[in-house]
Amino acid sequence: DQYLARYRPDLVLITLGANELGIPDPSARIPTIHRLIARLGGRPCVWIGPPLWKGARPALLETIRTHCAPCVYLDSSALVPDLPRTRDHIHPSMDARKTWAKAVMGWLAAHRAAHGSRPWDMLPGDEASPGR
């Protein structure tokens, strides 16, 4: 809260969820998702889903996608599929991290609402999905 008040960002990017993909009941995180979004005070926001690795369970990310409004959800797995991974087969390699960051920046530029009332208003959900 203090950083939001101090810096008053025009856009908030959230990348959370990867460490909890294995939780048995992803719906248990819905109140937490709503509380986090409420703290943003209506600022434009994008929830960037982490790029999934082989064997990762996507249920939590689907829960986030469904419940993160008014934030727009960015599906990194669709944006940058098959990223090379480190030896743990989970974390993207250093080069893949750069690829992911560049793809996210390009996605943000392409999905910024050209005639929004604020500098970083985003296109609504379906229009902002990768590949659409």
C-alpha atoms as a PDB file:
ATOM      1  CA  ASP A   1       0.000   0.000   0.000  1.00  0.00           C
ATOM      2  CA  GLN A   2       2.775   2.439   0.862  1.00  0.00           C
ATOM      3  CA  TYR A   3       4.538   1.902  -2.479  1.00  0.00           C
ATOM      4  CA  LEU A   4       1.294   2.433  -4.375  1.00  0.00           C
ATOM      5  CA  ALA A   5       0.695   5.664  -2.456  1.00  0.00           C
ATOM      6  CA  ARG A   6       4.281   6.823  -2.801  1.00  0.00           C
ATOM      7  CA  TYR A   7       4.865   6.091  -6.489  1.00  0.00           C
ATOM      8  CA  ARG A   8       1.277   6.212  -7.847  1.00  0.00           C
ATOM      9  CA  PRO A   9       2.008   3.894 -10.803  1.00  0.00           C
ATOM     10  CA  ASP A  10       0.039   4.239 -14.016  1.00  0.00           C
ATOM     11  CA  LEU A  11       0.137   0.450 -14.493  1.00  0.00           C
ATOM     12  CA  VAL A  12       0.592  -2.435 -12.073  1.00  0.00           C
ATOM     13  CA  LEU A  13       1.988  -5.764 -13.277  1.00  0.00           C
ATOM     14  CA  ILE A  14       1.379  -8.830 -11.114  1.00  0.00           C
ATOM     15  CA  THR A  15       3.188 -12.124 -11.613  1.00  0.00           C
ATOM     16  CA  LEU A  16       2.145 -14.499  -8.855  1.00  0.00           C
ATOM     17  CA  GLY A  17       0.974 -18.080  -8.748  1.00  0.00           C
ATOM     18  CA  ALA A  18       3.847 -20.268  -9.909  1.00  0.00           C
ATOM     19  CA  ASN A  19       4.827 -21.453  -6.438  1.00  0.00           C
ATOM     20  CA  GLU A  20       1.272 -22.524  -5.656  1.00  0.00           C
ATOM     21  CA  LEU A  21       0.299 -24.385  -8.817  1.00  0.00           C
ATOM     22  CA  GLY A  22       0.049 -27.639  -6.882  1.00  0.00           C
ATOM     23  CA  ILE A  23      -2.442 -26.499  -4.265  1.00  0.00           C
ATOM     24  CA  PRO A  24      -5.351 -28.932  -4.024  1.00  0.00           C
ATOM     25  CA  ASP A  25      -8.118 -26.287  -4.097  1.00  0.00           C
ATOM     26  CA  PRO A  26      -7.263 -23.267  -6.259  1.00  0.00           C
ATOM     27  CA  SER A  27     -10.633 -21.690  -5.443  1.00  0.00           C
ATOM     28  CA  ALA A  28      -9.296 -21.119  -1.917  1.00  0.00           C
ATOM     29  CA  ARG A  29      -7.188 -18.298  -3.405  1.00  0.00           C
ATOM     30  CA  ILE A  30     -10.156 -16.357  -4.821  1.00  0.00           C
ATOM     31  CA  PRO A  31     -10.570 -14.100  -1.739  1.00  0.00           C
ATOM     32  CA  THR A  32      -6.823 -13.364  -1.776  1.00  0.00           C
ATOM     33  CA  ILE A  33      -6.942 -12.505  -5.489  1.00  0.00           C
ATOM     34  CA  HIS A  34      -9.866 -10.139  -4.866  1.00  0.00           C
ATOM     35  CA  ARG A  35      -8.143  -8.490  -1.872  1.00  0.00           C
ATOM     36  CA  LEU A  36      -4.953  -7.925  -3.861  1.00  0.00           C
ATOM     37  CA  ILE A  37      -6.820  -6.391  -6.795  1.00  0.00           C
ATOM     38  CA  ALA A  38      -8.866  -4.162  -4.461  1.00  0.00           C
ATOM     39  CA  ARG A  39      -5.658  -2.732  -2.973  1.00  0.00           C
ATOM     40  CA  LEU A  40      -4.700  -1.349  -6.382  1.00  0.00           C
ATOM     41  CA  GLY A  41      -7.378   1.326  -6.068  1.00  0.00           C
ATOM     42  CA  GLY A  42      -8.680   0.963  -9.615  1.00  0.00           C
ATOM     43  CA  ARG A  43      -5.299   1.371 -11.299  1.00  0.00           C
ATOM     44  CA  PRO A  44      -4.878  -0.373 -14.648  1.00  0.00           C
ATOM     45  CA  CYS A  45      -3.289  -3.751 -14.062  1.00  0.00           C
ATOM     46  CA  VAL A  46      -2.173  -6.862 -15.880  1.00  0.00           C
ATOM     47  CA  TRP A  47      -1.843 -10.212 -14.151  1.00  0.00           C
ATOM     48  CA  ILE A  48       0.939 -12.007 -15.989  1.00  0.00           C
ATOM     49  CA  GLY A  49       0.540 -15.755 -15.607  1.00  0.00           C
ATOM     50  CA  PRO A  50       3.905 -17.512 -15.379  1.00  0.00           C
ATOM     51  CA  PRO A  51       4.886 -19.628 -18.394  1.00  0.00           C
ATOM     52  CA  LEU A  52       3.993 -23.195 -17.487  1.00  0.00           C
ATOM     53  CA  TRP A  53       6.501 -25.999 -17.647  1.00  0.00           C
ATOM     54  CA  LYS A  54       5.895 -29.630 -18.573  1.00  0.00           C
ATOM     55  CA  GLY A  55       3.757 -31.292 -15.908  1.00  0.00           C
ATOM     56  CA  ALA A  56       2.610 -28.039 -14.255  1.00  0.00           C
ATOM     57  CA  ARG A  57      -1.036 -27.939 -13.246  1.00  0.00           C
ATOM     58  CA  PRO A  58      -2.827 -24.907 -14.730  1.00  0.00           C
ATOM     59  CA  ALA A  59      -5.875 -24.916 -12.409  1.00  0.00           C
ATOM     60  CA  LEU A  60      -4.670 -22.018 -10.228  1.00  0.00           C
ATOM     61  CA  LEU A  61      -3.876 -19.895 -13.274  1.00  0.00           C
ATOM     62  CA  GLU A  62      -7.367 -20.543 -14.640  1.00  0.00           C
ATOM     63  CA  THR A  63      -8.759 -19.436 -11.279  1.00  0.00           C
ATOM     64  CA  ILE A  64      -6.669 -16.260 -11.430  1.00  0.00           C
ATOM     65  CA  ARG A  65      -7.731 -15.609 -15.036  1.00  0.00           C
ATOM     66  CA  THR A  66     -11.380 -15.954 -14.064  1.00  0.00           C
ATOM     67  CA  HIS A  67     -11.175 -13.786 -10.938  1.00  0.00           C
ATOM     68  CA  CYS A  68      -8.572 -11.062 -11.577  1.00  0.00           C
ATOM     69  CA  ALA A  69     -10.895  -8.494 -13.168  1.00  0.00           C
ATOM     70  CA  PRO A  70     -10.679  -5.597 -13.605  1.00  0.00           C
ATOM     71  CA  CYS A  71      -7.074  -6.589 -14.266  1.00  0.00           C
ATOM     72  CA  VAL A  72      -6.403  -8.077 -17.672  1.00  0.00           C
ATOM     73  CA  TYR A  73      -4.868 -11.552 -17.678  1.00  0.00           C
ATOM     74  CA  LEU A  74      -1.838 -12.274 -19.865  1.00  0.00           C
ATOM     75  CA  ASP A  75      -1.315 -15.971 -20.581  1.00  0.00           C
ATOM     76  CA  SER A  76       2.462 -16.307 -20.834  1.00  0.00           C
ATOM     77  CA  SER A  77       2.218 -19.951 -21.874  1.00  0.00           C
ATOM     78  CA  ALA A  78       0.292 -18.913 -24.976  1.00  0.00           C
ATOM     79  CA  LEU A  79       2.517 -15.884 -25.552  1.00  0.00           C
ATOM     80  CA  VAL A  80       5.864 -17.707 -25.301  1.00  0.00           C
ATOM     81  CA  PRO A  81       5.265 -21.458 -25.522  1.00  0.00           C
ATOM     82  CA  ASP A  82       8.091 -23.951 -25.055  1.00  0.00           C
ATOM     83  CA  LEU A  83      10.589 -21.669 -23.348  1.00  0.00           C
ATOM     84  CA  PRO A  84      13.951 -23.336 -22.728  1.00  0.00           C
ATOM     85  CA  ARG A  85      14.345 -24.192 -19.040  1.00  0.00           C
ATOM     86  CA  THR A  86      17.169 -24.485 -16.550  1.00  0.00           C
ATOM     87  CA  ARG A  87      18.291 -27.877 -15.242  1.00  0.00           C
ATOM     88  CA  ASP A  88      15.318 -27.986 -12.854  1.00  0.00           C
ATOM     89  CA  HIS A  89      13.009 -28.014 -15.933  1.00  0.00           C
ATOM     90  CA  ILE A  90      10.872 -25.342 -14.225  1.00  0.00           C
ATOM     91  CA  HIS A  91      12.601 -21.969 -14.347  1.00  0.00           C
ATOM     92  CA  PRO A  92      13.177 -20.386 -17.751  1.00  0.00           C
ATOM     93  CA  SER A  93      16.812 -20.204 -18.841  1.00  0.00           C
ATOM     94  CA  MET A  94      18.505 -16.799 -18.717  1.00  0.00           C
ATOM     95  CA  ASP A  95      17.996 -16.314 -22.461  1.00  0.00           C
ATOM     96  CA  ALA A  96      14.382 -17.480 -22.165  1.00  0.00           C
ATOM     97  CA  ARG A  97      13.767 -14.906 -19.433  1.00  0.00           C
ATOM     98  CA  LYS A  98      14.881 -12.191 -21.838  1.00  0.00           C
ATOM     99  CA  THR A  99      12.610 -13.642 -24.519  1.00  0.00           C
ATOM    100  CA  TRP A 100       9.695 -13.654 -22.075  1.00  0.00           C
ATOM    101  CA  ALA A 101      10.364 -10.061 -20.944  1.00  0.00           C
ATOM    102  CA  LYS A 102      10.549  -8.802 -24.537  1.00  0.00           C
ATOM    103  CA  ALA A 103       7.336 -10.659 -25.417  1.00  0.00           C
ATOM    104  CA  VAL A 104       5.538  -9.158 -22.416  1.00  0.00           C
ATOM    105  CA  MET A 105       6.714  -5.658 -23.348  1.00  0.00           C
ATOM    106  CA  GLY A 106       5.494  -6.154 -26.914  1.00  0.00           C
ATOM    107  CA  TRP A 107       2.180  -7.508 -25.647  1.00  0.00           C
ATOM    108  CA  LEU A 108       1.726  -4.519 -23.333  1.00  0.00           C
ATOM    109  CA  ALA A 109       2.390  -2.075 -26.159  1.00  0.00           C
ATOM    110  CA  ALA A 110      -0.026  -3.892 -28.474  1.00  0.00           C
ATOM    111  CA  HIS A 111      -2.801  -4.113 -25.869  1.00  0.00           C
ATOM    112  CA  ARG A 112      -2.668  -0.612 -24.497  1.00  0.00           C
ATOM    113  CA  ALA A 113      -5.956   1.175 -25.168  1.00  0.00           C
ATOM    114  CA  ALA A 114      -5.062   3.876 -27.681  1.00  0.00           C
ATOM    115  CA  HIS A 115      -7.846   6.192 -26.570  1.00  0.00           C
ATOM    116  CA  GLY A 116      -8.059   5.330 -22.881  1.00  0.00           C
ATOM    117  CA  SER A 117      -8.718   7.984 -20.269  1.00  0.00           C
ATOM    118  CA  ARG A 118      -5.508   7.012 -18.417  1.00  0.00           C
ATOM    119  CA  PRO A 119      -1.981   6.450 -19.767  1.00  0.00           C
ATOM    120  CA  TRP A 120      -2.112   2.660 -19.331  1.00  0.00           C
ATOM    121  CA  ASP A 121      -5.737   1.683 -19.799  1.00  0.00           C
ATOM    122  CA  MET A 122      -5.719  -1.769 -21.337  1.00  0.00           C
ATOM    123  CA  LEU A 123      -8.000  -3.388 -23.879  1.00  0.00           C
ATOM    124  CA  PRO A 124     -10.624  -5.552 -22.185  1.00  0.00           C
ATOM    125  CA  GLY A 125     -10.030  -9.269 -21.529  1.00  0.00           C
ATOM    126  CA  ASP A 126     -10.906 -11.054 -24.787  1.00  0.00           C
ATOM    127  CA  GLU A 127      -9.278  -8.366 -26.932  1.00  0.00           C
ATOM    128  CA  ALA A 128      -6.121  -8.574 -24.815  1.00  0.00           C
ATOM    129  CA  SER A 129      -5.627 -12.332 -25.029  1.00  0.00           C
ATOM    130  CA  PRO A 130      -2.523 -13.515 -26.884  1.00  0.00           C
ATOM    131  CA  GLY A 131      -3.177 -14.488 -30.462  1.00  0.00           C
ATOM    132  CA  ARG A 132      -6.393 -12.458 -30.770  1.00  0.00           C
END
